[in-house]
Structure formats: C-alpha cells, structure tokens
Protein backbone atom coordinates (compact mmCIF):
# COMPACT_ATOMS: atom_id res chain seq x y z
CA UNK A 1 156.32 -62.12 37.30
CA UNK A 2 155.24 -61.27 40.83
CA UNK A 3 152.19 -59.03 41.21
CA UNK A 4 152.81 -55.30 41.36
CA UNK A 5 151.48 -55.08 44.93
CA UNK A 6 154.50 -57.04 46.22
CA UNK A 7 157.90 -55.35 46.45
CA UNK A 8 161.01 -57.47 47.10
CA UNK A 9 163.56 -56.46 49.69
CA UNK A 10 167.05 -56.02 48.32
CA UNK A 11 168.94 -58.15 50.84
CA UNK A 12 168.76 -59.83 54.24
CA UNK A 13 171.77 -60.89 56.33
CA UNK A 14 172.05 -62.36 59.83
CA UNK A 15 175.16 -62.48 62.01
CA UNK A 16 175.50 -64.39 65.28
CA UNK A 17 177.53 -63.08 68.20
CA UNK A 18 178.57 -66.23 70.00
CA UNK A 19 179.99 -64.50 73.01
CA UNK A 20 176.85 -62.46 73.82
CA UNK A 21 174.25 -64.81 72.24
CA UNK A 22 172.78 -62.04 70.10
CA UNK A 23 171.76 -62.06 66.42
CA UNK A 24 172.11 -58.97 64.28
CA UNK A 25 169.55 -59.07 61.48
CA UNK A 26 170.14 -56.54 58.67
CA UNK A 27 167.35 -55.76 56.24
CA UNK A 28 167.76 -53.67 53.06
CA UNK A 29 164.15 -52.63 52.51
CA UNK A 30 162.16 -52.95 49.34
CA UNK A 31 164.16 -52.19 46.12
CA UNK A 32 166.76 -50.49 48.31
CA UNK A 33 164.84 -47.20 48.22
CA UNK A 34 161.78 -47.71 50.46
CA UNK A 35 162.84 -45.54 53.37
CA UNK A 36 159.25 -45.26 54.60
CA UNK A 37 158.98 -49.00 54.89
CA UNK A 38 162.27 -49.24 56.75
CA UNK A 39 161.22 -46.51 59.21
CA UNK A 40 157.86 -48.25 59.73
CA UNK A 41 159.45 -51.63 60.43
CA UNK A 42 162.19 -50.24 62.67
CA UNK A 43 159.51 -48.53 64.76
CA UNK A 44 157.04 -51.40 65.07
CA UNK A 45 159.08 -54.63 65.21
CA UNK A 46 160.98 -53.84 68.48
CA UNK A 47 157.82 -52.64 70.19
CA UNK A 48 155.86 -55.78 69.24
CA UNK A 49 158.52 -58.47 69.53
CA UNK A 50 159.75 -59.56 73.00
CA UNK A 51 162.90 -61.16 71.57
CA UNK A 52 163.96 -58.02 69.65
CA UNK A 53 165.97 -55.89 72.02
CA UNK A 54 166.34 -52.84 69.81
CA UNK A 55 166.56 -51.60 66.22
CA UNK A 56 168.38 -48.83 64.45
CA UNK A 57 168.04 -47.54 60.92
CA UNK A 58 170.42 -46.02 58.40
CA UNK A 59 168.41 -44.92 55.38
CA UNK A 60 166.68 -47.98 54.00
CA UNK A 61 168.89 -50.38 55.98
CA UNK A 62 167.64 -51.54 59.35
CA UNK A 63 169.62 -53.36 62.04
CA UNK A 64 167.70 -55.52 64.57
CA UNK A 65 169.31 -57.05 67.66
CA UNK A 66 167.59 -60.27 68.61
CA UNK A 67 167.89 -62.78 71.46
CA UNK A 68 167.57 -66.29 70.00
CA UNK A 69 164.41 -68.02 71.14
CA UNK A 70 160.64 -67.52 70.87
CA UNK A 71 158.44 -64.70 72.06
CA UNK A 72 154.70 -64.47 71.67
CA UNK A 73 153.69 -61.61 69.39
CA UNK A 74 150.23 -60.10 69.88
CA UNK A 75 149.27 -58.40 66.63
CA UNK A 76 146.78 -55.56 66.37
CA UNK A 77 146.17 -53.47 63.23
CA UNK A 78 148.05 -50.15 63.24
CA UNK A 79 149.11 -50.54 66.88
CA UNK A 80 151.28 -53.67 66.61
CA UNK A 81 150.89 -54.95 63.02
CA UNK A 82 154.18 -56.85 62.59
CA UNK A 83 156.68 -58.75 64.65
CA UNK A 84 159.39 -61.36 64.84
CA UNK A 85 158.13 -64.41 66.68
CA UNK A 86 161.13 -66.68 66.69
CA UNK A 87 164.91 -66.75 66.00
CA UNK A 88 166.77 -70.08 65.88
CA UNK A 89 170.53 -70.45 65.50
CA UNK A 90 171.39 -73.95 64.33
CA UNK A 91 174.61 -75.04 62.60
CA UNK A 92 175.44 -72.70 59.72
CA UNK A 93 171.91 -71.29 59.56
CA UNK A 94 169.73 -68.68 61.29
CA UNK A 95 165.93 -69.02 60.95
CA UNK A 96 163.69 -65.98 61.51
CA UNK A 97 159.88 -66.27 61.79
CA UNK A 98 157.92 -63.10 61.01
CA UNK A 99 154.18 -62.48 61.39
CA UNK A 100 152.26 -59.48 60.11
CA UNK A 101 148.74 -58.21 59.36
CA UNK A 102 147.60 -56.79 56.03
CA UNK A 103 150.40 -55.01 54.17
CA UNK A 104 152.84 -56.09 56.84
CA UNK A 105 152.12 -59.69 55.91
CA UNK A 106 152.81 -58.90 52.25
CA UNK A 107 156.10 -57.34 53.38
CA UNK A 108 157.04 -60.75 54.81
CA UNK A 109 155.86 -63.27 52.18
CA UNK A 110 156.14 -61.02 49.14
CA UNK A 111 159.00 -58.76 50.23
CA UNK A 112 161.51 -60.35 52.60
CA UNK A 113 160.98 -63.82 51.18
CA UNK A 114 162.21 -62.63 47.78
CA UNK A 115 165.37 -60.86 49.03
CA UNK A 116 168.86 -61.84 48.10
CA UNK A 117 170.60 -63.72 50.93
CA UNK A 118 167.57 -65.88 51.78
CA UNK A 119 168.34 -69.60 51.49
CA UNK A 120 164.90 -71.03 52.05
CA UNK A 121 161.36 -69.85 52.77
CA UNK A 122 158.53 -71.62 54.54
CA UNK A 123 155.27 -69.72 54.14
CA UNK A 124 152.62 -70.65 56.71
CA UNK A 125 150.06 -68.02 55.75
CA UNK A 126 150.24 -65.77 52.69
CA UNK A 127 148.86 -62.52 54.14
CA UNK A 128 147.50 -59.47 52.37
CA UNK A 129 144.29 -57.47 52.75
CA UNK A 130 142.87 -58.31 56.20
CA UNK A 131 144.70 -61.60 56.46
CA UNK A 132 147.63 -62.68 58.58
CA UNK A 133 150.95 -63.38 56.92
CA UNK A 134 153.55 -65.61 58.53
CA UNK A 135 156.75 -67.09 57.15
CA UNK A 136 160.04 -68.52 58.37
CA UNK A 137 163.16 -67.37 56.46
CA UNK A 138 166.41 -69.35 56.59
CA UNK A 139 169.59 -67.25 56.25
CA UNK A 140 173.24 -68.32 56.15
CA UNK A 141 174.92 -67.64 59.51
CA UNK A 142 177.52 -64.89 59.33
CA UNK A 143 179.89 -63.39 61.87
CA UNK A 144 180.10 -59.59 62.35
CA UNK A 145 183.58 -58.05 62.03
CA UNK A 146 184.07 -54.32 62.52
CA UNK A 147 187.28 -52.56 61.51
CA UNK A 148 188.71 -49.22 62.56
CA UNK A 149 191.20 -47.34 60.38
CA UNK A 150 193.13 -44.12 60.98
CA UNK A 151 196.16 -42.09 59.94
CA UNK A 152 196.03 -42.95 56.23
CA UNK A 153 196.54 -39.53 54.66
CA UNK A 154 199.26 -36.90 54.44
CA UNK A 155 199.11 -33.09 54.94
CA UNK A 156 198.85 -32.74 51.15
CA UNK A 157 196.63 -35.66 50.02
CA UNK A 158 194.16 -38.30 51.09
CA UNK A 159 190.99 -38.90 53.09
CA UNK A 160 190.58 -41.75 55.51
CA UNK A 161 186.77 -41.85 55.17
CA UNK A 162 186.98 -42.20 51.39
CA UNK A 163 189.77 -44.83 51.42
CA UNK A 164 187.89 -46.86 54.00
CA UNK A 165 184.68 -46.72 51.97
CA UNK A 166 186.49 -47.85 48.81
CA UNK A 167 188.04 -50.77 50.76
CA UNK A 168 184.62 -51.82 52.03
CA UNK A 169 183.17 -51.61 48.52
CA UNK A 170 186.12 -53.57 47.16
CA UNK A 171 185.84 -56.35 49.76
CA UNK A 172 182.16 -56.69 49.02
CA UNK A 173 182.63 -56.85 45.25
CA UNK A 174 185.41 -59.43 45.69
CA UNK A 175 183.03 -61.61 47.61
CA UNK A 176 185.11 -61.53 50.82
CA UNK A 177 182.25 -60.24 52.96
CA UNK A 178 179.10 -58.15 52.90
CA UNK A 179 179.83 -54.46 53.54
CA UNK A 180 177.24 -53.29 56.06
CA UNK A 181 178.13 -49.87 57.53
CA UNK A 182 180.51 -46.97 57.48
CA UNK A 183 180.93 -44.64 60.44
CA UNK A 184 183.05 -41.49 60.66
CA UNK A 185 184.07 -40.79 64.24
CA UNK A 186 185.22 -37.27 65.13
CA UNK A 187 188.09 -37.43 67.59
CA UNK A 188 189.75 -34.66 69.67
CA UNK A 189 190.68 -32.00 67.06
CA UNK A 190 193.76 -30.84 68.92
CA UNK A 191 195.35 -34.29 69.18
CA UNK A 192 199.06 -34.28 68.23
CA UNK A 193 199.98 -35.65 64.79
CA UNK A 194 196.59 -35.04 63.19
CA UNK A 195 196.69 -33.97 59.51
CA UNK A 196 193.56 -31.81 59.64
CA UNK A 197 190.12 -33.01 60.81
CA UNK A 198 191.18 -35.78 63.20
CA UNK A 199 188.47 -38.28 62.18
CA UNK A 200 188.78 -42.05 62.10
CA UNK A 201 186.57 -44.47 60.23
CA UNK A 202 184.87 -47.74 61.23
CA UNK A 203 183.65 -50.31 58.73
CA UNK A 204 181.26 -53.22 59.48
CA UNK A 205 181.04 -56.49 57.59
CA UNK A 206 179.05 -59.72 57.66
CA UNK A 207 181.49 -62.61 57.11
CA UNK A 208 180.83 -66.30 56.47
CA UNK A 209 182.48 -68.55 59.09
CA UNK A 210 186.01 -69.47 58.09
CA UNK A 211 186.48 -66.33 55.94
CA UNK A 212 187.43 -64.04 58.77
CA UNK A 213 191.22 -64.37 58.45
CA UNK A 214 191.08 -63.89 54.67
CA UNK A 215 189.16 -60.61 55.12
CA UNK A 216 191.50 -59.32 57.83
CA UNK A 217 194.61 -60.06 55.70
CA UNK A 218 193.10 -58.65 52.50
CA UNK A 219 192.04 -55.36 54.12
CA UNK A 220 195.40 -54.96 55.81
CA UNK A 221 197.22 -55.58 52.56
CA UNK A 222 195.08 -53.19 50.56
CA UNK A 223 195.22 -50.53 53.25
CA UNK A 224 199.02 -50.67 53.34
CA UNK A 225 199.20 -50.34 49.54
CA UNK A 226 196.89 -47.34 49.46
CA UNK A 227 197.99 -45.46 52.57
CA UNK A 228 199.86 -42.17 52.26
CA UNK A 229 201.14 -42.30 55.86
CA UNK A 230 203.87 -44.02 57.78
CA UNK A 231 201.61 -44.25 60.82
CA UNK A 232 198.56 -46.12 59.56
CA UNK A 233 196.85 -48.36 62.06
CA UNK A 234 193.96 -50.84 61.84
CA UNK A 235 191.93 -52.46 64.63
CA UNK A 236 189.18 -55.06 64.42
CA UNK A 237 186.61 -56.64 66.66
CA UNK A 238 184.19 -59.58 66.28
CA UNK A 239 180.63 -59.27 67.62
CA UNK A 240 177.46 -57.23 67.19
CA UNK A 241 177.66 -55.32 70.48
CA UNK A 242 180.05 -52.52 71.55
CA UNK A 243 181.79 -53.42 74.84
CA UNK A 244 181.34 -50.79 77.53
CA UNK A 245 185.10 -50.31 77.91
CA UNK A 246 185.51 -49.62 74.21
CA UNK A 247 182.67 -47.05 74.19
CA UNK A 248 184.29 -45.34 77.14
CA UNK A 249 187.62 -45.16 75.32
CA UNK A 250 185.89 -43.60 72.31
CA UNK A 251 184.29 -40.89 74.42
CA UNK A 252 187.61 -40.09 76.05
CA UNK A 253 189.26 -39.84 72.66
CA UNK A 254 186.61 -37.37 71.57
CA UNK A 255 187.10 -35.13 74.58
CA UNK A 256 190.91 -35.16 74.88
CA UNK A 257 194.19 -36.97 74.17
CA UNK A 258 194.51 -40.70 74.85
CA UNK A 259 197.76 -42.68 74.61
CA UNK A 260 198.86 -45.89 72.96
CA UNK A 261 199.04 -47.36 76.39
CA UNK A 262 195.39 -46.52 76.97
CA UNK A 263 194.53 -48.21 73.67
CA UNK A 264 196.59 -51.34 74.21
CA UNK A 265 195.09 -51.78 77.68
CA UNK A 266 191.51 -51.44 76.48
CA UNK A 267 192.11 -53.60 73.43
CA UNK A 268 193.47 -56.40 75.62
CA UNK A 269 190.44 -56.30 77.93
CA UNK A 270 187.82 -56.09 75.20
CA UNK A 271 189.16 -58.49 72.60
CA UNK A 272 190.21 -55.91 70.01
CA UNK A 273 192.94 -56.95 67.58
CA UNK A 274 195.51 -54.21 66.74
CA UNK A 275 197.34 -54.21 63.41
CA UNK A 276 200.28 -51.87 62.77
CA UNK A 277 199.79 -51.43 59.02
CA UNK A 278 202.59 -48.91 58.42
CA UNK A 279 203.05 -47.61 61.99
CA UNK A 280 201.56 -47.48 65.44
CA UNK A 281 200.15 -43.94 65.92
CA UNK A 282 197.07 -44.76 63.83
CA UNK A 283 196.15 -47.49 66.28
CA UNK A 284 194.80 -44.83 68.63
CA UNK A 285 192.07 -43.62 66.30
CA UNK A 286 191.50 -47.02 64.77
CA UNK A 287 190.72 -48.58 68.13
CA UNK A 288 188.83 -45.59 69.53
CA UNK A 289 186.43 -45.39 66.60
CA UNK A 290 185.28 -48.98 67.20
CA UNK A 291 183.51 -47.70 70.32
CA UNK A 292 180.98 -45.69 68.27
CA UNK A 293 180.46 -47.68 65.06
CA UNK A 294 176.77 -48.20 65.94
CA UNK A 295 176.07 -44.45 66.30
CA UNK A 296 176.92 -42.77 62.96
CA UNK A 297 174.77 -39.71 63.70
CA UNK A 298 176.33 -39.06 67.13
CA UNK A 299 179.89 -40.03 66.13
CA UNK A 300 180.32 -37.09 63.71
CA UNK A 301 179.52 -34.41 66.22
CA UNK A 302 182.27 -32.25 67.65
C-alpha cells in the first residue's frame, strides 16, 4: 500500500490537435475530489511553464493547453513550485515531463504517476519534503472530438442537457471514448421554433485514433432513438481549439436569430460536420454551441 501522504490522481488523458499542433492535457485531481489541488495546479503550472499556453478548471478537472517541445522551468518555493518541462508527441504516445518542489513533487511521482490512463512512468527524482520531484509520464495519444446537440425535446417532454449528458455517460461506459466535458449554451431566447429555454448542449470526448467514426455513428444512432423532436441536429468538430469563426457564430446566435445558411457557411469554413439526425432546424443550435464549449461559466449567461 502506498503511504498515506501520497494521493493518486483519478485520471490523466492527453489529446493531440494535429492541425494546430497543440496538446490538451486533462487531469482529474487526487481521488476526484481534491478541488484545492486542482485550483493550485491550474494557477501555478501555466505561470511557470513556457510551453503551457493556458489552463482552465472545472471542479477537480483541469485542462492544460501545451505546445509540444521543451521549455526551461525555473522552480522557486511558493512562487513557482511546479511546472511542465517537456511535451513530446511521438507515434501513438504523448510524453509529459513534470517537475515540482516539496509537496508538488509528491503530486507528480505519488499522485499523477498512479492515475488511470498512464501507460508508463519514468521517475528521475522522487520528491517530497524539501526535495525536487521529476517524472515523465507516457499517455496514449487521443484525438479531441466535440459534439453539439439541439432540438431534442417537445413542448411537453424532454431536456436536451440531460439527454446529452446521458449519451456522454453511455459512450464512456461503453468504452467508445472518454467523456470530458458538458457545456450548456444559452442561445437567443426569442428564436423561432424554440420549445422553452432555447439552450443547446456541447459534449467533449477524448477518442483513441481510429475510433472516431464509431463514436460519431453511435452517438447519432442513440440520439435519434431518444429524441422527441422531428428537428434534431448534431454537429461535431475535431481539435482542442475553438476556431474564431465558430466563436463568432456562437455569439451572434446568443444575441439574435441566425439562419441555416449562416450555419452551413461557417461549418464549411471551420471544418464542422453537420448531421441531420431527425431534421435540420436543430443544426443551428448544434453548430452554434460548439463555439463556446470551452467556456461553461460564460455560456449559460443570458
């Protein structure tokens, strides 16, 4: 049994965006409940690590956006105690090298190294107390797919956010992909055809290479079977970054009415795949919500 002063992370997952040459690293912090640790890491790692462009946190889950390569990390207790020194994408693997002082080192060698999703660990220095901890973690390369869904309910029954969440949970339990995030996007409340709240939902997944088509087909099939509407639409996009044109479309859809023509034009430019599940009206919200999947706090605001 590991000593009580180490606490394993629940899961680590890394996705590579080939188009933009960016890695999204997702950490589920210790035991899945250590929100303080997640907040601490999300604050320090981007400030200390030249190759980490930014981080965002949802509860105990932290998303880091990393440029592959190496960046020198200058560690200093309390001020810059932890960092990511290197990220290498090679074949079907992504290797991340962390370094940390004191408890931050324990978080690497005794926490992250014991997470589910880690293939291999090379510990250079153990860490703990006043010592430096450094380790390289090898993770299976995933691709990031984000899905938008809308127009799934009727005036009498249903809720798109709930159906989408159940589909994400189902896909994860079936082993099709790792379910990473759920974002409700409030669209223009006075849009024609809305049942009540006019909110679409985006779901994010980490998918092993070669499994993308299976996931797309399975979600479309299950969405069609569960939908209560004749106008259900689904849209999906590969990559860890939101294209500027898609973000602009989302903001327009929150302020006023956009058309199917607007959606098809933006989708064509930004590489969004549109799927008429039971109809085409739902494509508007499904595509628009993809522009705000990385801002769950802002996306819910009127």
